Amino acid sequence: MDISKKWSSLLLIIALAAGLAACGKSSPPMPPGGVQQFAWTWTRAEIVNQCLAVQGGLEGNMDNFYEVVLELQPSTTEDFCIGCPFLPVERETFSRRAADFKPTSTAADGTVQTATIALTYCPERKAPSYQWRLVGVNINQITPHALTPIQHLTSPLGLE
């Protein structure tokens, strides 16, 4: 075997070893420092004066709650297609202040453990019913968002 083949083989082995060293952990990275996440415990909404009044409760590490996003899909009928994809056509982002973020309990170390939000949004597209959900955005960008289930809201007045 001549020198160039030996060097080529050696470089190939080094490249393979480096490639295999990168294999391993398959889950997304998480920030250091304990529990970073929070979750929705309850939500409710009603239509008041053609606007949505939404409330919700959260638990977990509330110090990491950054903002909440309301996702909305108007429907021209009061019937929703069960199993159809949720395709929000309106999204509105609310800061902690705009969402009326209020801590409701704190831990011994002073970190907020539970909180509530209350927000009002007047949809651009008025409809007799809506599908909606809330997305809680974590201050740590690599931590997953907290999503509520997709919910249905029908106007008692049948807004058009």
Protein backbone atom coordinates (compact mmCIF):
# COMPACT_ATOMS: atom_id res chain seq x y z
CA MET A 1 0.00 0.00 0.00
CA ASP A 2 1.54 3.32 -0.98
CA ILE A 3 1.67 6.46 1.16
CA SER A 4 -1.23 8.30 -0.54
CA LYS A 5 -3.60 5.37 0.05
CA LYS A 6 -2.55 5.24 3.72
CA TRP A 7 -3.22 8.96 4.15
CA SER A 8 -6.57 8.66 2.36
CA SER A 9 -7.56 5.75 4.58
CA LEU A 10 -6.48 7.62 7.70
CA LEU A 11 -8.46 10.72 6.70
CA LEU A 12 -11.51 8.58 5.96
CA ILE A 13 -11.30 6.93 9.39
CA ILE A 14 -10.97 10.33 11.09
CA ALA A 15 -13.97 11.71 9.17
CA LEU A 16 -16.08 8.68 10.09
CA ALA A 17 -15.06 8.94 13.75
CA ALA A 18 -15.98 12.64 13.82
CA GLY A 19 -19.32 11.90 12.16
CA LEU A 20 -20.16 9.17 14.65
CA ALA A 21 -19.16 11.39 17.58
CA ALA A 22 -21.92 13.82 16.55
CA CYS A 23 -24.55 11.08 16.84
CA GLY A 24 -26.29 10.59 20.15
CA LYS A 25 -28.94 12.66 21.82
CA SER A 26 -32.02 12.86 19.62
CA SER A 27 -34.23 15.18 21.69
CA PRO A 28 -34.21 18.97 21.31
CA PRO A 29 -31.91 20.91 23.62
CA MET A 30 -33.35 22.22 26.88
CA PRO A 31 -32.13 25.23 28.85
CA PRO A 32 -30.20 24.52 32.07
CA GLY A 33 -31.59 25.32 35.49
CA GLY A 34 -34.57 23.27 36.54
CA VAL A 35 -38.17 23.42 35.41
CA GLN A 36 -38.57 26.03 32.70
CA GLN A 37 -41.99 25.20 31.33
CA PHE A 38 -45.53 26.23 32.16
CA ALA A 39 -48.89 24.88 31.03
CA TRP A 40 -52.50 26.00 30.67
CA THR A 41 -54.82 24.70 33.39
CA TRP A 42 -58.08 26.20 32.08
CA THR A 43 -59.41 28.60 29.46
CA ARG A 44 -62.76 30.09 28.56
CA ALA A 45 -64.08 32.65 26.13
CA GLU A 46 -67.26 34.49 25.33
CA ILE A 47 -68.37 37.00 22.75
CA VAL A 48 -69.10 40.43 24.21
CA ASN A 49 -70.05 43.31 21.90
CA GLN A 50 -68.70 41.46 18.83
CA CYS A 51 -65.33 40.93 20.54
CA LEU A 52 -63.83 37.86 22.19
CA ALA A 53 -63.22 38.04 25.92
CA VAL A 54 -60.73 35.28 26.76
CA GLN A 55 -59.49 34.17 30.17
CA GLY A 56 -57.05 31.46 31.17
CA GLY A 57 -55.05 30.00 34.00
CA LEU A 58 -51.42 28.86 33.92
CA GLU A 59 -49.17 26.87 36.21
CA GLY A 60 -45.46 26.17 36.24
CA ASN A 61 -42.55 28.59 36.06
CA MET A 62 -44.40 31.83 35.41
CA ASP A 63 -41.17 33.84 35.48
CA ASN A 64 -40.58 32.40 32.00
CA PHE A 65 -43.97 33.45 30.60
CA TYR A 66 -43.18 35.99 27.88
CA GLU A 67 -46.39 36.58 25.91
CA VAL A 68 -49.56 34.92 24.70
CA VAL A 69 -50.79 34.55 21.12
CA LEU A 70 -54.49 34.19 20.30
CA GLU A 71 -55.04 32.16 17.13
CA LEU A 72 -58.48 32.46 15.54
CA GLN A 73 -60.33 30.77 12.69
CA PRO A 74 -63.75 32.25 11.90
CA SER A 75 -66.45 29.93 10.57
CA THR A 76 -69.39 30.91 8.40
CA THR A 77 -71.56 28.27 10.07
CA GLU A 78 -72.07 27.15 13.63
CA ASP A 79 -70.96 23.62 12.73
CA PHE A 80 -67.29 22.72 12.83
CA CYS A 81 -65.65 19.95 10.87
CA ILE A 82 -64.37 17.54 13.50
CA GLY A 83 -60.98 16.25 12.41
CA CYS A 84 -60.39 19.03 9.89
CA PRO A 85 -57.16 20.98 10.31
CA PHE A 86 -57.12 24.14 12.40
CA LEU A 87 -56.14 26.96 10.05
CA PRO A 88 -56.08 30.25 11.95
CA VAL A 89 -56.43 33.29 9.74
CA GLU A 90 -55.98 35.81 12.54
CA ARG A 91 -53.24 35.92 15.15
CA GLU A 92 -52.87 38.54 17.82
CA THR A 93 -49.94 38.73 20.23
CA PHE A 94 -50.41 40.10 23.75
CA SER A 95 -47.56 41.04 26.06
CA ARG A 96 -47.79 40.18 29.77
CA ARG A 97 -49.22 43.62 30.43
CA ALA A 98 -51.69 43.58 27.52
CA ALA A 99 -52.90 40.10 28.56
CA ASP A 100 -53.55 41.39 32.11
CA PHE A 101 -51.12 38.82 33.53
CA LYS A 102 -51.78 38.37 37.26
CA PRO A 103 -49.79 36.07 39.56
CA THR A 104 -52.06 34.03 41.84
CA SER A 105 -49.53 32.04 43.92
CA THR A 106 -45.80 32.04 44.59
CA ALA A 107 -43.34 29.44 45.89
CA ALA A 108 -41.19 29.87 48.98
CA ASP A 109 -38.31 31.11 46.82
CA GLY A 110 -40.52 33.88 45.40
CA THR A 111 -41.06 32.41 41.93
CA VAL A 112 -44.59 32.74 40.61
CA GLN A 113 -46.22 29.29 40.30
CA THR A 114 -49.71 30.09 39.01
CA ALA A 115 -51.22 33.04 37.16
CA THR A 116 -54.24 34.15 35.16
CA ILE A 117 -54.62 36.15 31.98
CA ALA A 118 -57.58 38.10 30.60
CA LEU A 119 -57.63 39.62 27.14
CA THR A 120 -60.08 41.10 24.68
CA TYR A 121 -59.78 40.83 20.92
CA CYS A 122 -62.14 42.19 18.28
CA PRO A 123 -61.81 39.97 15.18
CA GLU A 124 -61.31 41.54 11.78
CA ARG A 125 -63.65 38.94 10.30
CA LYS A 126 -66.96 38.84 12.14
CA ALA A 127 -68.50 35.37 12.13
CA PRO A 128 -71.27 33.41 13.89
CA SER A 129 -68.65 31.04 15.35
CA TYR A 130 -64.91 30.66 15.84
CA GLN A 131 -62.28 28.05 16.51
CA TRP A 132 -59.50 29.37 18.71
CA ARG A 133 -56.55 28.51 20.90
CA LEU A 134 -53.97 30.25 23.03
CA VAL A 135 -50.22 29.85 22.67
CA GLY A 136 -48.11 30.67 25.72
CA VAL A 137 -44.65 31.75 24.59
CA ASN A 138 -41.69 30.96 26.86
CA ILE A 139 -38.92 33.49 27.34
CA ASN A 140 -36.46 30.66 26.62
CA GLN A 141 -36.76 30.24 22.87
CA ILE A 142 -35.76 26.56 22.88
CA THR A 143 -38.51 25.63 25.35
CA PRO A 144 -41.74 24.43 23.69
CA HIS A 145 -44.74 26.76 23.62
CA ALA A 146 -47.71 25.95 25.86
CA LEU A 147 -50.75 25.30 23.63
CA THR A 148 -54.37 25.05 24.66
CA PRO A 149 -56.64 22.58 22.91
CA ILE A 150 -58.50 24.00 19.91
CA GLN A 151 -61.83 25.28 21.19
CA HIS A 152 -65.11 26.30 19.62
CA LEU A 153 -67.10 29.43 20.36
CA THR A 154 -70.51 30.25 18.95
CA SER A 155 -72.12 33.63 19.28
CA PRO A 156 -75.50 33.52 21.02
CA LEU A 157 -76.60 36.30 18.65
CA GLY A 158 -75.39 34.61 15.47
CA LEU A 159 -73.15 37.51 14.38
CA GLU A 160 -72.70 37.91 10.65
